[in-house]
Amino acid sequence: MTTTMLYTKINNLPPSMVKEVDDLVEFLITKRKKEKIKERIFGCAKGLIVMHDDFDAPLEDFKEYIQ
């Protein structure tokens, strides 16, 4: 749909519905501003996660279930 087609459709609406279209457009603009995602940088979490040597070791709490 082109902008001209959309403009024509909006012009054929009654004034109360034009206000609803305006409200919807404002909502979408506001929503988009909130959704902006920062560009991800490779390796930005380096050093924040630690994997201990005993990660795969059985937990004490589950010894009775492990045979």
PDB file of N, CA and C in Angstrom:
ATOM      1  N   MET A   1       0.852  -1.175   0.000  1.00  0.00           N
ATOM      2  CA  MET A   1       0.000   0.000   0.000  1.00  0.00           C
ATOM      3  C   MET A   1       0.897   1.238   0.000  1.00  0.00           C
ATOM      4  N   THR A   2       0.593   2.147  -0.873  1.00  0.00           N
ATOM      5  CA  THR A   2       1.389   3.374  -0.960  1.00  0.00           C
ATOM      6  C   THR A   2       0.851   4.407   0.024  1.00  0.00           C
ATOM      7  N   THR A   3       1.631   5.411   0.265  1.00  0.00           N
ATOM      8  CA  THR A   3       1.228   6.495   1.154  1.00  0.00           C
ATOM      9  C   THR A   3       0.024   7.228   0.589  1.00  0.00           C
ATOM     10  N   THR A   4      -0.017   7.387  -0.727  1.00  0.00           N
ATOM     11  CA  THR A   4      -1.141   8.064  -1.370  1.00  0.00           C
ATOM     12  C   THR A   4      -2.441   7.282  -1.176  1.00  0.00           C
ATOM     13  N   MET A   5      -2.367   5.970  -1.302  1.00  0.00           N
ATOM     14  CA  MET A   5      -3.563   5.144  -1.093  1.00  0.00           C
ATOM     15  C   MET A   5      -4.054   5.251   0.354  1.00  0.00           C
ATOM     16  N   LEU A   6      -3.120   5.231   1.285  1.00  0.00           N
ATOM     17  CA  LEU A   6      -3.474   5.348   2.690  1.00  0.00           C
ATOM     18  C   LEU A   6      -4.093   6.716   2.980  1.00  0.00           C
ATOM     19  N   TYR A   7      -3.497   7.743   2.425  1.00  0.00           N
ATOM     20  CA  TYR A   7      -4.013   9.101   2.594  1.00  0.00           C
ATOM     21  C   TYR A   7      -5.449   9.210   2.064  1.00  0.00           C
ATOM     22  N   THR A   8      -5.702   8.601   0.919  1.00  0.00           N
ATOM     23  CA  THR A   8      -7.039   8.627   0.326  1.00  0.00           C
ATOM     24  C   THR A   8      -8.048   7.910   1.215  1.00  0.00           C
ATOM     25  N   LYS A   9      -7.673   6.776   1.747  1.00  0.00           N
ATOM     26  CA  LYS A   9      -8.564   6.033   2.636  1.00  0.00           C
ATOM     27  C   LYS A   9      -8.871   6.828   3.903  1.00  0.00           C
ATOM     28  N   ILE A  10      -7.864   7.453   4.460  1.00  0.00           N
ATOM     29  CA  ILE A  10      -8.071   8.236   5.687  1.00  0.00           C
ATOM     30  C   ILE A  10      -8.975   9.431   5.403  1.00  0.00           C
ATOM     31  N   ASN A  11      -8.794  10.060   4.261  1.00  0.00           N
ATOM     32  CA  ASN A  11      -9.634  11.221   3.904  1.00  0.00           C
ATOM     33  C   ASN A  11     -11.100  10.847   3.728  1.00  0.00           C
ATOM     34  N   ASN A  12     -11.390   9.598   3.424  1.00  0.00           N
ATOM     35  CA  ASN A  12     -12.772   9.168   3.239  1.00  0.00           C
ATOM     36  C   ASN A  12     -13.445   8.740   4.548  1.00  0.00           C
ATOM     37  N   LEU A  13     -12.714   8.768   5.631  1.00  0.00           N
ATOM     38  CA  LEU A  13     -13.281   8.393   6.929  1.00  0.00           C
ATOM     39  C   LEU A  13     -13.988   9.585   7.576  1.00  0.00           C
ATOM     40  N   PRO A  14     -14.970   9.294   8.441  1.00  0.00           N
ATOM     41  CA  PRO A  14     -15.583  10.394   9.194  1.00  0.00           C
ATOM     42  C   PRO A  14     -14.584  10.932  10.224  1.00  0.00           C
ATOM     43  N   PRO A  15     -14.767  12.184  10.653  1.00  0.00           N
ATOM     44  CA  PRO A  15     -13.801  12.830  11.564  1.00  0.00           C
ATOM     45  C   PRO A  15     -13.514  12.031  12.844  1.00  0.00           C
ATOM     46  N   SER A  16     -14.518  11.366  13.390  1.00  0.00           N
ATOM     47  CA  SER A  16     -14.277  10.606  14.625  1.00  0.00           C
ATOM     48  C   SER A  16     -13.314   9.444  14.385  1.00  0.00           C
ATOM     49  N   MET A  17     -13.404   8.843  13.214  1.00  0.00           N
ATOM     50  CA  MET A  17     -12.503   7.729  12.905  1.00  0.00           C
ATOM     51  C   MET A  17     -11.107   8.228  12.547  1.00  0.00           C
ATOM     52  N   VAL A  18     -11.019   9.415  11.985  1.00  0.00           N
ATOM     53  CA  VAL A  18      -9.709  10.002  11.683  1.00  0.00           C
ATOM     54  C   VAL A  18      -8.951  10.209  12.991  1.00  0.00           C
ATOM     55  N   LYS A  19      -9.665  10.614  14.033  1.00  0.00           N
ATOM     56  CA  LYS A  19      -9.048  10.802  15.354  1.00  0.00           C
ATOM     57  C   LYS A  19      -8.529   9.449  15.868  1.00  0.00           C
ATOM     58  N   GLU A  20      -9.272   8.372  15.648  1.00  0.00           N
ATOM     59  CA  GLU A  20      -8.826   7.050  16.068  1.00  0.00           C
ATOM     60  C   GLU A  20      -7.565   6.635  15.312  1.00  0.00           C
ATOM     61  N   VAL A  21      -7.521   6.929  14.035  1.00  0.00           N
ATOM     62  CA  VAL A  21      -6.331   6.619  13.237  1.00  0.00           C
ATOM     63  C   VAL A  21      -5.139   7.402  13.778  1.00  0.00           C
ATOM     64  N   ASP A  22      -5.354   8.664  14.095  1.00  0.00           N
ATOM     65  CA  ASP A  22      -4.292   9.494  14.656  1.00  0.00           C
ATOM     66  C   ASP A  22      -3.795   8.916  15.980  1.00  0.00           C
ATOM     67  N   ASP A  23      -4.724   8.483  16.829  1.00  0.00           N
ATOM     68  CA  ASP A  23      -4.345   7.887  18.111  1.00  0.00           C
ATOM     69  C   ASP A  23      -3.521   6.615  17.897  1.00  0.00           C
ATOM     70  N   LEU A  24      -3.935   5.802  16.929  1.00  0.00           N
ATOM     71  CA  LEU A  24      -3.211   4.575  16.636  1.00  0.00           C
ATOM     72  C   LEU A  24      -1.791   4.876  16.149  1.00  0.00           C
ATOM     73  N   VAL A  25      -1.670   5.853  15.280  1.00  0.00           N
ATOM     74  CA  VAL A  25      -0.345   6.217  14.766  1.00  0.00           C
ATOM     75  C   VAL A  25       0.544   6.703  15.902  1.00  0.00           C
ATOM     76  N   GLU A  26       0.009   7.518  16.795  1.00  0.00           N
ATOM     77  CA  GLU A  26       0.780   8.005  17.948  1.00  0.00           C
ATOM     78  C   GLU A  26       1.214   6.838  18.839  1.00  0.00           C
ATOM     79  N   PHE A  27       0.305   5.876  19.042  1.00  0.00           N
ATOM     80  CA  PHE A  27       0.640   4.702  19.842  1.00  0.00           C
ATOM     81  C   PHE A  27       1.785   3.923  19.207  1.00  0.00           C
ATOM     82  N   LEU A  28       1.717   3.708  17.899  1.00  0.00           N
ATOM     83  CA  LEU A  28       2.753   2.958  17.204  1.00  0.00           C
ATOM     84  C   LEU A  28       4.107   3.670  17.254  1.00  0.00           C
ATOM     85  N   ILE A  29       4.083   4.984  17.146  1.00  0.00           N
ATOM     86  CA  ILE A  29       5.331   5.757  17.229  1.00  0.00           C
ATOM     87  C   ILE A  29       5.940   5.610  18.616  1.00  0.00           C
ATOM     88  N   THR A  30       5.112   5.733  19.644  1.00  0.00           N
ATOM     89  CA  THR A  30       5.589   5.599  21.023  1.00  0.00           C
ATOM     90  C   THR A  30       6.125   4.197  21.276  1.00  0.00           C
ATOM     91  N   LYS A  31       5.422   3.194  20.791  1.00  0.00           N
ATOM     92  CA  LYS A  31       5.842   1.801  20.963  1.00  0.00           C
ATOM     93  C   LYS A  31       7.191   1.558  20.301  1.00  0.00           C
ATOM     94  N   ARG A  32       7.365   2.110  19.131  1.00  0.00           N
ATOM     95  CA  ARG A  32       8.629   1.893  18.410  1.00  0.00           C
ATOM     96  C   ARG A  32       9.808   2.536  19.141  1.00  0.00           C
ATOM     97  N   LYS A  33       9.567   3.709  19.731  1.00  0.00           N
ATOM     98  CA  LYS A  33      10.644   4.376  20.467  1.00  0.00           C
ATOM     99  C   LYS A  33      11.091   3.525  21.644  1.00  0.00           C
ATOM    100  N   LYS A  34      10.136   2.833  22.294  1.00  0.00           N
ATOM    101  CA  LYS A  34      10.464   1.996  23.441  1.00  0.00           C
ATOM    102  C   LYS A  34      11.174   0.717  23.027  1.00  0.00           C
ATOM    103  N   GLU A  35      10.953   0.256  21.813  1.00  0.00           N
ATOM    104  CA  GLU A  35      11.488  -1.019  21.351  1.00  0.00           C
ATOM    105  C   GLU A  35      12.887  -0.923  20.757  1.00  0.00           C
ATOM    106  N   LYS A  36      13.427   0.263  20.663  1.00  0.00           N
ATOM    107  CA  LYS A  36      14.749   0.387  20.051  1.00  0.00           C
ATOM    108  C   LYS A  36      15.752  -0.448  20.845  1.00  0.00           C
ATOM    109  N   ILE A  37      16.463  -1.283  20.134  1.00  0.00           N
ATOM    110  CA  ILE A  37      17.430  -2.184  20.747  1.00  0.00           C
ATOM    111  C   ILE A  37      18.835  -1.666  20.471  1.00  0.00           C
ATOM    112  N   LYS A  38      19.636  -1.685  21.524  1.00  0.00           N
ATOM    113  CA  LYS A  38      21.020  -1.268  21.331  1.00  0.00           C
ATOM    114  C   LYS A  38      21.738  -2.278  20.445  1.00  0.00           C
ATOM    115  N   GLU A  39      22.663  -1.785  19.680  1.00  0.00           N
ATOM    116  CA  GLU A  39      23.447  -2.672  18.836  1.00  0.00           C
ATOM    117  C   GLU A  39      24.294  -3.562  19.729  1.00  0.00           C
ATOM    118  N   ARG A  40      24.270  -4.852  19.449  1.00  0.00           N
ATOM    119  CA  ARG A  40      25.011  -5.801  20.268  1.00  0.00           C
ATOM    120  C   ARG A  40      26.484  -5.795  19.872  1.00  0.00           C
ATOM    121  N   ILE A  41      27.315  -5.844  20.885  1.00  0.00           N
ATOM    122  CA  ILE A  41      28.755  -5.852  20.662  1.00  0.00           C
ATOM    123  C   ILE A  41      29.286  -7.223  21.056  1.00  0.00           C
ATOM    124  N   PHE A  42      29.961  -7.884  20.143  1.00  0.00           N
ATOM    125  CA  PHE A  42      30.498  -9.211  20.402  1.00  0.00           C
ATOM    126  C   PHE A  42      31.469  -9.170  21.576  1.00  0.00           C
ATOM    127  N   GLY A  43      31.250 -10.058  22.539  1.00  0.00           N
ATOM    128  CA  GLY A  43      32.152 -10.169  23.681  1.00  0.00           C
ATOM    129  C   GLY A  43      31.881  -9.197  24.800  1.00  0.00           C
ATOM    130  N   CYS A  44      30.752  -8.494  24.773  1.00  0.00           N
ATOM    131  CA  CYS A  44      30.489  -7.474  25.790  1.00  0.00           C
ATOM    132  C   CYS A  44      30.232  -8.082  27.178  1.00  0.00           C
ATOM    133  N   ALA A  45      29.913  -9.378  27.267  1.00  0.00           N
ATOM    134  CA  ALA A  45      29.668 -10.020  28.562  1.00  0.00           C
ATOM    135  C   ALA A  45      30.870 -10.845  29.021  1.00  0.00           C
ATOM    136  N   LYS A  46      31.976 -10.707  28.346  1.00  0.00           N
ATOM    137  CA  LYS A  46      33.163 -11.490  28.691  1.00  0.00           C
ATOM    138  C   LYS A  46      33.568 -11.205  30.135  1.00  0.00           C
ATOM    139  N   GLY A  47      33.760 -12.279  30.894  1.00  0.00           N
ATOM    140  CA  GLY A  47      34.175 -12.139  32.284  1.00  0.00           C
ATOM    141  C   GLY A  47      33.017 -12.034  33.266  1.00  0.00           C
ATOM    142  N   LEU A  48      31.786 -11.914  32.779  1.00  0.00           N
ATOM    143  CA  LEU A  48      30.637 -11.800  33.671  1.00  0.00           C
ATOM    144  C   LEU A  48      30.083 -13.159  34.082  1.00  0.00           C
ATOM    145  N   ILE A  49      30.400 -14.190  33.322  1.00  0.00           N
ATOM    146  CA  ILE A  49      29.889 -15.526  33.602  1.00  0.00           C
ATOM    147  C   ILE A  49      31.067 -16.419  33.975  1.00  0.00           C
ATOM    148  N   VAL A  50      30.892 -17.138  35.094  1.00  0.00           N
ATOM    149  CA  VAL A  50      31.957 -18.011  35.574  1.00  0.00           C
ATOM    150  C   VAL A  50      31.438 -19.445  35.595  1.00  0.00           C
ATOM    151  N   MET A  51      32.177 -20.368  35.017  1.00  0.00           N
ATOM    152  CA  MET A  51      31.831 -21.788  35.030  1.00  0.00           C
ATOM    153  C   MET A  51      32.845 -22.486  35.929  1.00  0.00           C
ATOM    154  N   HIS A  52      32.382 -22.978  37.070  1.00  0.00           N
ATOM    155  CA  HIS A  52      33.275 -23.640  38.024  1.00  0.00           C
ATOM    156  C   HIS A  52      33.642 -25.035  37.542  1.00  0.00           C
ATOM    157  N   ASP A  53      34.789 -25.540  38.020  1.00  0.00           N
ATOM    158  CA  ASP A  53      35.282 -26.852  37.604  1.00  0.00           C
ATOM    159  C   ASP A  53      34.323 -27.976  37.981  1.00  0.00           C
ATOM    160  N   ASP A  54      33.607 -27.834  39.085  1.00  0.00           N
ATOM    161  CA  ASP A  54      32.699 -28.889  39.540  1.00  0.00           C
ATOM    162  C   ASP A  54      31.265 -28.688  39.049  1.00  0.00           C
ATOM    163  N   PHE A  55      31.101 -28.000  37.959  1.00  0.00           N
ATOM    164  CA  PHE A  55      29.764 -27.703  37.430  1.00  0.00           C
ATOM    165  C   PHE A  55      28.955 -28.973  37.173  1.00  0.00           C
ATOM    166  N   ASP A  56      29.588 -29.996  36.615  1.00  0.00           N
ATOM    167  CA  ASP A  56      28.893 -31.243  36.273  1.00  0.00           C
ATOM    168  C   ASP A  56      28.831 -32.242  37.423  1.00  0.00           C
ATOM    169  N   ALA A  57      29.411 -31.933  38.551  1.00  0.00           N
ATOM    170  CA  ALA A  57      29.414 -32.854  39.691  1.00  0.00           C
ATOM    171  C   ALA A  57      27.994 -32.993  40.244  1.00  0.00           C
ATOM    172  N   PRO A  58      27.658 -34.196  40.739  1.00  0.00           N
ATOM    173  CA  PRO A  58      26.316 -34.394  41.306  1.00  0.00           C
ATOM    174  C   PRO A  58      26.106 -33.506  42.534  1.00  0.00           C
ATOM    175  N   LEU A  59      24.900 -33.048  42.711  1.00  0.00           N
ATOM    176  CA  LEU A  59      24.572 -32.204  43.857  1.00  0.00           C
ATOM    177  C   LEU A  59      24.279 -33.062  45.081  1.00  0.00           C
ATOM    178  N   GLU A  60      24.646 -32.586  46.251  1.00  0.00           N
ATOM    179  CA  GLU A  60      24.400 -33.297  47.501  1.00  0.00           C
ATOM    180  C   GLU A  60      22.918 -33.555  47.715  1.00  0.00           C
ATOM    181  N   ASP A  61      22.070 -32.625  47.346  1.00  0.00           N
ATOM    182  CA  ASP A  61      20.638 -32.743  47.572  1.00  0.00           C
ATOM    183  C   ASP A  61      20.000 -33.899  46.790  1.00  0.00           C
ATOM    184  N   PHE A  62      20.622 -34.354  45.723  1.00  0.00           N
ATOM    185  CA  PHE A  62      20.050 -35.387  44.877  1.00  0.00           C
ATOM    186  C   PHE A  62      20.740 -36.745  45.000  1.00  0.00           C
ATOM    187  N   LYS A  63      21.601 -36.892  46.001  1.00  0.00           N
ATOM    188  CA  LYS A  63      22.348 -38.153  46.147  1.00  0.00           C
ATOM    189  C   LYS A  63      21.405 -39.343  46.313  1.00  0.00           C
ATOM    190  N   GLU A  64      20.308 -39.176  47.023  1.00  0.00           N
ATOM    191  CA  GLU A  64      19.402 -40.300  47.255  1.00  0.00           C
ATOM    192  C   GLU A  64      18.690 -40.743  45.975  1.00  0.00           C
ATOM    193  N   TYR A  65      18.611 -39.884  44.972  1.00  0.00           N
ATOM    194  CA  TYR A  65      17.953 -40.216  43.720  1.00  0.00           C
ATOM    195  C   TYR A  65      18.905 -40.807  42.687  1.00  0.00           C
ATOM    196  N   ILE A  66      20.186 -40.613  42.891  1.00  0.00           N
ATOM    197  CA  ILE A  66      21.209 -41.079  41.948  1.00  0.00           C
ATOM    198  C   ILE A  66      21.726 -42.436  42.420  1.00  0.00           C
ATOM    199  N   GLN A  67      21.748 -43.415  41.551  1.00  0.00           N
ATOM    200  CA  GLN A  67      22.256 -44.752  41.934  1.00  0.00           C
ATOM    201  C   GLN A  67      23.442 -45.117  41.106  1.00  0.00           C
TER     202      GLN A  67
END
